[in-house]
């Protein structure tokens, strides 16, 4: 998760009059710095905390998930070399497929040019299968 999610979380937190410390405590995170890192896009929001965070912020879980999916779609559109918004990462994407995409994206960033075409092809297959 990145900056779009973090900005949304910060806006909703401030709207509710909660501090980063309040949210961290309610989510049972160790420090307020954890929330700061999430809001700045430095650290991802743990998936296991999305439902609880939505309850704390007084919003539906789907609001957070929608922003996460939009951000994932933008990120993977860039990674696989297609125009933004021309692929769809659906909420039906299985967690193991999502994790595979994340792993492939990481390998893509670290790979040499000869390996990139193969990795991009694999990512396109996963994304188009779920569109």
N, C-alpha and C. Protein backbone atom coordinates (compact mmCIF):
# COMPACT_ATOMS: atom_id res chain seq x y z
N UNK A 1 0.85 -1.17 0.00
CA UNK A 1 0.00 0.00 0.00
C UNK A 1 0.89 1.22 0.00
N UNK A 2 0.36 2.27 -0.54
CA UNK A 2 1.21 3.44 -0.69
C UNK A 2 0.57 4.73 -0.24
N UNK A 3 0.93 5.78 -0.95
CA UNK A 3 0.57 7.12 -0.52
C UNK A 3 -0.92 7.41 -0.60
N UNK A 4 -1.60 6.90 -1.64
CA UNK A 4 -3.05 7.16 -1.75
C UNK A 4 -3.78 6.62 -0.53
N UNK A 5 -3.42 5.43 -0.12
CA UNK A 5 -4.05 4.80 1.04
C UNK A 5 -3.70 5.60 2.29
N UNK A 6 -2.44 5.97 2.42
CA UNK A 6 -2.00 6.72 3.59
C UNK A 6 -2.69 8.06 3.73
N UNK A 7 -2.83 8.76 2.62
CA UNK A 7 -3.52 10.07 2.65
C UNK A 7 -4.97 9.88 3.09
N UNK A 8 -5.62 8.87 2.55
CA UNK A 8 -7.00 8.59 2.92
C UNK A 8 -7.11 8.28 4.41
N UNK A 9 -6.23 7.44 4.91
CA UNK A 9 -6.26 7.07 6.33
C UNK A 9 -6.05 8.31 7.19
N UNK A 10 -5.08 9.14 6.83
CA UNK A 10 -4.83 10.36 7.61
C UNK A 10 -6.05 11.27 7.62
N UNK A 11 -6.67 11.47 6.45
CA UNK A 11 -7.85 12.33 6.37
C UNK A 11 -8.99 11.81 7.24
N UNK A 12 -9.23 10.53 7.17
CA UNK A 12 -10.31 9.93 7.96
C UNK A 12 -9.99 9.99 9.46
N UNK A 13 -8.73 9.75 9.82
CA UNK A 13 -8.31 9.80 11.22
C UNK A 13 -8.51 11.21 11.77
N UNK A 14 -8.06 12.21 11.01
CA UNK A 14 -8.19 13.60 11.47
C UNK A 14 -9.66 14.01 11.55
N UNK A 15 -10.46 13.56 10.59
CA UNK A 15 -11.89 13.86 10.60
C UNK A 15 -12.55 13.33 11.87
N UNK A 16 -12.08 12.20 12.35
CA UNK A 16 -12.63 11.60 13.59
C UNK A 16 -12.00 12.21 14.85
N UNK A 17 -11.01 13.07 14.67
CA UNK A 17 -10.37 13.70 15.82
C UNK A 17 -9.43 12.77 16.58
N UNK A 18 -8.88 11.78 15.89
CA UNK A 18 -7.98 10.82 16.52
C UNK A 18 -6.52 11.15 16.21
N UNK A 19 -5.68 10.90 17.18
CA UNK A 19 -4.24 11.06 16.96
C UNK A 19 -3.68 9.76 16.39
N UNK A 20 -2.46 9.84 15.88
CA UNK A 20 -1.80 8.62 15.41
C UNK A 20 -1.64 7.64 16.56
N UNK A 21 -1.35 8.16 17.74
CA UNK A 21 -1.22 7.31 18.92
C UNK A 21 -2.51 6.59 19.27
N UNK A 22 -3.64 7.33 19.15
CA UNK A 22 -4.95 6.72 19.42
C UNK A 22 -5.18 5.53 18.49
N UNK A 23 -4.94 5.74 17.21
CA UNK A 23 -5.19 4.70 16.22
C UNK A 23 -4.24 3.52 16.44
N UNK A 24 -2.98 3.82 16.70
CA UNK A 24 -2.00 2.75 16.95
C UNK A 24 -2.43 1.91 18.14
N UNK A 25 -2.87 2.56 19.21
CA UNK A 25 -3.29 1.84 20.41
C UNK A 25 -4.52 0.98 20.11
N UNK A 26 -5.49 1.53 19.39
CA UNK A 26 -6.71 0.78 19.07
C UNK A 26 -6.44 -0.39 18.12
N UNK A 27 -5.41 -0.24 17.27
CA UNK A 27 -5.03 -1.34 16.37
C UNK A 27 -4.05 -2.31 17.02
N UNK A 28 -3.64 -1.98 18.26
CA UNK A 28 -2.67 -2.80 18.99
C UNK A 28 -1.32 -2.86 18.26
N UNK A 29 -0.92 -1.70 17.73
CA UNK A 29 0.41 -1.56 17.14
C UNK A 29 1.33 -1.00 18.21
N UNK A 30 2.61 -1.22 18.06
CA UNK A 30 3.55 -0.86 19.13
C UNK A 30 3.67 0.65 19.35
N UNK A 31 3.72 1.43 18.26
CA UNK A 31 3.93 2.87 18.42
C UNK A 31 3.10 3.68 17.43
N UNK A 32 2.98 4.98 17.72
CA UNK A 32 2.31 5.90 16.80
C UNK A 32 3.12 6.03 15.51
N UNK A 33 4.40 5.77 15.59
CA UNK A 33 5.26 5.84 14.40
C UNK A 33 4.78 4.84 13.34
N UNK A 34 4.20 3.74 13.77
CA UNK A 34 3.66 2.75 12.83
C UNK A 34 2.59 3.38 11.96
N UNK A 35 1.70 4.16 12.56
CA UNK A 35 0.64 4.83 11.81
C UNK A 35 1.23 5.92 10.94
N UNK A 36 2.19 6.65 11.45
CA UNK A 36 2.86 7.67 10.65
C UNK A 36 3.47 7.05 9.40
N UNK A 37 4.13 5.91 9.56
CA UNK A 37 4.75 5.24 8.41
C UNK A 37 3.71 4.78 7.39
N UNK A 38 2.58 4.30 7.87
CA UNK A 38 1.49 3.88 6.98
C UNK A 38 0.94 5.08 6.23
N UNK A 39 0.71 6.18 6.94
CA UNK A 39 0.14 7.38 6.33
C UNK A 39 1.08 8.00 5.30
N UNK A 40 2.38 7.87 5.50
CA UNK A 40 3.35 8.42 4.54
C UNK A 40 3.67 7.45 3.41
N UNK A 41 3.11 6.24 3.46
CA UNK A 41 3.36 5.27 2.42
C UNK A 41 4.68 4.54 2.56
N UNK A 42 5.30 4.67 3.73
CA UNK A 42 6.59 4.02 3.99
C UNK A 42 6.39 2.54 4.34
N UNK A 43 5.34 2.27 5.09
CA UNK A 43 5.03 0.89 5.50
C UNK A 43 3.61 0.56 5.06
N UNK A 44 3.36 -0.70 4.69
CA UNK A 44 2.00 -1.07 4.32
C UNK A 44 1.13 -1.28 5.55
N UNK A 45 -0.16 -1.08 5.37
CA UNK A 45 -1.13 -1.40 6.41
C UNK A 45 -1.27 -2.91 6.41
N UNK A 46 -1.04 -3.56 7.55
CA UNK A 46 -1.21 -5.02 7.58
C UNK A 46 -2.64 -5.40 7.18
N UNK A 47 -2.76 -6.36 6.29
CA UNK A 47 -4.08 -6.80 5.83
C UNK A 47 -4.99 -7.19 6.99
N UNK A 48 -4.40 -7.76 7.99
CA UNK A 48 -5.19 -8.23 9.14
C UNK A 48 -5.79 -7.07 9.93
N UNK A 49 -5.32 -5.85 9.68
CA UNK A 49 -5.79 -4.69 10.44
C UNK A 49 -6.81 -3.85 9.67
N UNK A 50 -7.09 -4.16 8.40
CA UNK A 50 -7.96 -3.33 7.58
C UNK A 50 -9.37 -3.23 8.17
N UNK A 51 -9.96 -4.34 8.53
CA UNK A 51 -11.33 -4.34 9.07
C UNK A 51 -11.40 -3.52 10.35
N UNK A 52 -10.45 -3.75 11.24
CA UNK A 52 -10.44 -3.03 12.52
C UNK A 52 -10.24 -1.53 12.28
N UNK A 53 -9.35 -1.17 11.37
CA UNK A 53 -9.12 0.25 11.08
C UNK A 53 -10.39 0.90 10.52
N UNK A 54 -11.08 0.20 9.64
CA UNK A 54 -12.33 0.74 9.10
C UNK A 54 -13.32 1.01 10.23
N UNK A 55 -13.42 0.08 11.17
CA UNK A 55 -14.32 0.27 12.32
C UNK A 55 -13.91 1.49 13.13
N UNK A 56 -12.61 1.64 13.37
CA UNK A 56 -12.09 2.77 14.15
C UNK A 56 -12.41 4.10 13.46
N UNK A 57 -12.26 4.11 12.13
CA UNK A 57 -12.46 5.34 11.37
C UNK A 57 -13.91 5.60 11.02
N UNK A 58 -14.78 4.63 11.34
CA UNK A 58 -16.20 4.79 11.07
C UNK A 58 -16.54 4.72 9.59
N UNK A 59 -15.81 3.90 8.86
CA UNK A 59 -16.05 3.74 7.43
C UNK A 59 -16.22 2.25 7.11
N UNK A 60 -16.61 1.98 5.87
CA UNK A 60 -16.72 0.59 5.45
C UNK A 60 -15.35 0.08 5.02
N UNK A 61 -15.10 -1.18 5.26
CA UNK A 61 -13.85 -1.82 4.84
C UNK A 61 -13.65 -1.65 3.34
N UNK A 62 -14.73 -1.71 2.58
CA UNK A 62 -14.64 -1.61 1.13
C UNK A 62 -14.05 -0.28 0.67
N UNK A 63 -14.20 0.78 1.47
CA UNK A 63 -13.62 2.08 1.10
C UNK A 63 -12.10 1.99 1.08
N UNK A 64 -11.53 1.33 2.07
CA UNK A 64 -10.08 1.15 2.11
C UNK A 64 -9.64 0.20 1.00
N UNK A 65 -10.36 -0.89 0.85
CA UNK A 65 -10.00 -1.90 -0.16
C UNK A 65 -10.05 -1.30 -1.56
N UNK A 66 -11.03 -0.46 -1.84
CA UNK A 66 -11.14 0.18 -3.16
C UNK A 66 -9.91 1.02 -3.46
N UNK A 67 -9.45 1.77 -2.49
CA UNK A 67 -8.26 2.60 -2.70
C UNK A 67 -7.02 1.72 -2.87
N UNK A 68 -6.94 0.66 -2.07
CA UNK A 68 -5.82 -0.28 -2.20
C UNK A 68 -5.80 -0.89 -3.59
N UNK A 69 -6.95 -1.35 -4.07
CA UNK A 69 -7.02 -1.97 -5.39
C UNK A 69 -6.66 -0.98 -6.49
N UNK A 70 -7.11 0.27 -6.37
CA UNK A 70 -6.76 1.29 -7.36
C UNK A 70 -5.25 1.52 -7.38
N UNK A 71 -4.67 1.57 -6.21
CA UNK A 71 -3.22 1.78 -6.12
C UNK A 71 -2.45 0.58 -6.69
N UNK A 72 -2.92 -0.62 -6.39
CA UNK A 72 -2.29 -1.83 -6.91
C UNK A 72 -2.41 -1.85 -8.43
N UNK A 73 -3.58 -1.50 -8.93
CA UNK A 73 -3.78 -1.48 -10.38
C UNK A 73 -2.83 -0.49 -11.03
N UNK A 74 -2.70 0.70 -10.48
CA UNK A 74 -1.77 1.69 -11.04
C UNK A 74 -0.35 1.18 -11.02
N UNK A 75 0.05 0.60 -9.89
CA UNK A 75 1.43 0.12 -9.74
C UNK A 75 1.73 -1.00 -10.75
N UNK A 76 0.84 -1.98 -10.86
CA UNK A 76 1.11 -3.10 -11.75
C UNK A 76 0.92 -2.73 -13.21
N UNK A 77 0.09 -1.73 -13.51
CA UNK A 77 0.01 -1.24 -14.88
C UNK A 77 1.37 -0.72 -15.32
N UNK A 78 2.02 0.02 -14.44
CA UNK A 78 3.35 0.55 -14.75
C UNK A 78 4.38 -0.57 -14.85
N UNK A 79 4.31 -1.52 -13.92
CA UNK A 79 5.30 -2.60 -13.88
C UNK A 79 5.23 -3.46 -15.13
N UNK A 80 4.02 -3.81 -15.57
CA UNK A 80 3.91 -4.70 -16.72
C UNK A 80 3.93 -3.93 -18.04
N UNK A 81 4.07 -2.61 -17.96
CA UNK A 81 4.26 -1.82 -19.16
C UNK A 81 3.01 -1.57 -19.98
N UNK A 82 1.87 -1.43 -19.31
CA UNK A 82 0.65 -1.08 -20.02
C UNK A 82 0.15 0.25 -19.50
N UNK A 83 -0.68 0.89 -20.27
CA UNK A 83 -1.20 2.19 -19.89
C UNK A 83 -2.00 2.07 -18.61
N UNK A 84 -1.83 3.00 -17.70
CA UNK A 84 -2.54 2.98 -16.44
C UNK A 84 -4.03 2.85 -16.64
N UNK A 85 -4.66 2.03 -15.84
CA UNK A 85 -6.09 1.83 -15.92
C UNK A 85 -6.53 0.86 -17.00
N UNK A 86 -5.59 0.35 -17.80
CA UNK A 86 -5.99 -0.56 -18.87
C UNK A 86 -6.03 -2.00 -18.40
N UNK A 87 -5.58 -2.25 -17.17
CA UNK A 87 -5.75 -3.57 -16.58
C UNK A 87 -6.58 -3.41 -15.33
N UNK A 88 -7.14 -4.48 -14.90
CA UNK A 88 -7.96 -4.44 -13.69
C UNK A 88 -7.51 -5.53 -12.76
N UNK A 89 -7.11 -5.12 -11.57
CA UNK A 89 -6.82 -6.09 -10.52
C UNK A 89 -8.08 -6.14 -9.68
N UNK A 90 -8.81 -7.22 -9.77
CA UNK A 90 -10.11 -7.28 -9.13
C UNK A 90 -10.01 -7.69 -7.67
N UNK A 91 -11.07 -7.41 -6.95
CA UNK A 91 -11.11 -7.83 -5.54
C UNK A 91 -11.18 -9.35 -5.46
N UNK A 92 -11.44 -10.02 -6.59
CA UNK A 92 -11.47 -11.47 -6.63
C UNK A 92 -10.10 -12.09 -6.75
N UNK A 93 -9.08 -11.27 -6.83
CA UNK A 93 -7.72 -11.78 -6.90
C UNK A 93 -7.42 -12.53 -5.61
N UNK A 94 -7.04 -13.77 -5.74
CA UNK A 94 -6.77 -14.59 -4.56
C UNK A 94 -5.50 -14.09 -3.89
N UNK A 95 -5.41 -14.26 -2.58
CA UNK A 95 -4.26 -13.74 -1.84
C UNK A 95 -2.95 -14.33 -2.34
N UNK A 96 -2.96 -15.61 -2.72
CA UNK A 96 -1.71 -16.20 -3.22
C UNK A 96 -1.33 -15.61 -4.57
N UNK A 97 -2.33 -15.25 -5.40
CA UNK A 97 -2.04 -14.61 -6.68
C UNK A 97 -1.52 -13.20 -6.46
N UNK A 98 -2.11 -12.49 -5.50
CA UNK A 98 -1.66 -11.15 -5.16
C UNK A 98 -0.21 -11.19 -4.67
N UNK A 99 0.08 -12.13 -3.78
CA UNK A 99 1.44 -12.27 -3.27
C UNK A 99 2.41 -12.65 -4.38
N UNK A 100 1.96 -13.47 -5.31
CA UNK A 100 2.80 -13.83 -6.45
C UNK A 100 3.10 -12.58 -7.29
N UNK A 101 2.08 -11.76 -7.54
CA UNK A 101 2.31 -10.52 -8.27
C UNK A 101 3.31 -9.62 -7.55
N UNK A 102 3.16 -9.51 -6.24
CA UNK A 102 4.09 -8.70 -5.46
C UNK A 102 5.51 -9.23 -5.59
N UNK A 103 5.66 -10.55 -5.48
CA UNK A 103 6.97 -11.16 -5.59
C UNK A 103 7.57 -10.96 -6.97
N UNK A 104 6.74 -11.11 -8.00
CA UNK A 104 7.23 -10.89 -9.37
C UNK A 104 7.64 -9.43 -9.58
N UNK A 105 6.86 -8.51 -9.03
CA UNK A 105 7.21 -7.09 -9.16
C UNK A 105 8.55 -6.80 -8.49
N UNK A 106 8.77 -7.40 -7.33
CA UNK A 106 10.05 -7.21 -6.63
C UNK A 106 11.19 -7.80 -7.46
N UNK A 107 10.99 -9.00 -7.97
CA UNK A 107 12.03 -9.62 -8.82
C UNK A 107 12.28 -8.79 -10.07
N UNK A 108 11.21 -8.18 -10.61
CA UNK A 108 11.34 -7.36 -11.81
C UNK A 108 12.24 -6.16 -11.53
N UNK A 109 12.04 -5.55 -10.38
CA UNK A 109 12.87 -4.39 -10.03
C UNK A 109 14.34 -4.76 -9.90
N UNK A 110 14.60 -5.98 -9.46
CA UNK A 110 15.98 -6.42 -9.22
C UNK A 110 16.60 -7.15 -10.41
N UNK A 111 15.80 -7.44 -11.44
CA UNK A 111 16.27 -8.30 -12.52
C UNK A 111 17.07 -7.56 -13.58
N UNK A 112 17.78 -8.34 -14.36
CA UNK A 112 18.50 -7.82 -15.51
C UNK A 112 17.52 -7.77 -16.68
N UNK A 113 17.86 -7.00 -17.69
CA UNK A 113 16.92 -6.76 -18.79
C UNK A 113 16.45 -8.04 -19.47
N UNK A 114 17.27 -9.06 -19.58
CA UNK A 114 16.86 -10.30 -20.23
C UNK A 114 15.76 -11.04 -19.48
N UNK A 115 15.73 -10.90 -18.18
CA UNK A 115 14.72 -11.57 -17.36
C UNK A 115 13.42 -10.78 -17.32
N UNK A 116 13.48 -9.49 -17.57
CA UNK A 116 12.30 -8.64 -17.42
C UNK A 116 11.15 -9.04 -18.34
N UNK A 117 11.45 -9.39 -19.57
CA UNK A 117 10.39 -9.76 -20.51
C UNK A 117 9.63 -10.98 -20.01
N UNK A 118 10.35 -11.96 -19.48
CA UNK A 118 9.72 -13.17 -18.97
C UNK A 118 8.84 -12.84 -17.77
N UNK A 119 9.34 -12.03 -16.85
CA UNK A 119 8.57 -11.67 -15.66
C UNK A 119 7.34 -10.86 -16.03
N UNK A 120 7.47 -9.92 -16.95
CA UNK A 120 6.33 -9.12 -17.37
C UNK A 120 5.25 -10.01 -17.99
N UNK A 121 5.67 -10.99 -18.79
CA UNK A 121 4.72 -11.92 -19.41
C UNK A 121 3.96 -12.69 -18.33
N UNK A 122 4.66 -13.16 -17.31
CA UNK A 122 4.01 -13.88 -16.22
C UNK A 122 3.00 -13.00 -15.49
N UNK A 123 3.38 -11.75 -15.26
CA UNK A 123 2.49 -10.83 -14.56
C UNK A 123 1.25 -10.53 -15.40
N UNK A 124 1.44 -10.35 -16.71
CA UNK A 124 0.30 -10.10 -17.58
C UNK A 124 -0.69 -11.26 -17.54
N UNK A 125 -0.18 -12.48 -17.52
CA UNK A 125 -1.06 -13.66 -17.46
C UNK A 125 -1.91 -13.65 -16.20
N UNK A 126 -1.28 -13.36 -15.07
CA UNK A 126 -2.02 -13.33 -13.79
C UNK A 126 -3.08 -12.24 -13.81
N UNK A 127 -2.69 -11.05 -14.25
CA UNK A 127 -3.61 -9.91 -14.24
C UNK A 127 -4.74 -10.14 -15.23
N UNK A 128 -4.45 -10.58 -16.46
CA UNK A 128 -5.50 -10.76 -17.45
C UNK A 128 -6.42 -11.91 -17.07
N UNK A 129 -5.91 -12.91 -16.39
CA UNK A 129 -6.72 -14.03 -15.93
C UNK A 129 -7.80 -13.56 -14.95
N UNK A 130 -7.46 -12.54 -14.15
CA UNK A 130 -8.36 -12.06 -13.10
C UNK A 130 -9.20 -10.86 -13.53
N UNK A 131 -9.01 -10.38 -14.75
CA UNK A 131 -9.74 -9.18 -15.18
C UNK A 131 -11.19 -9.51 -15.48
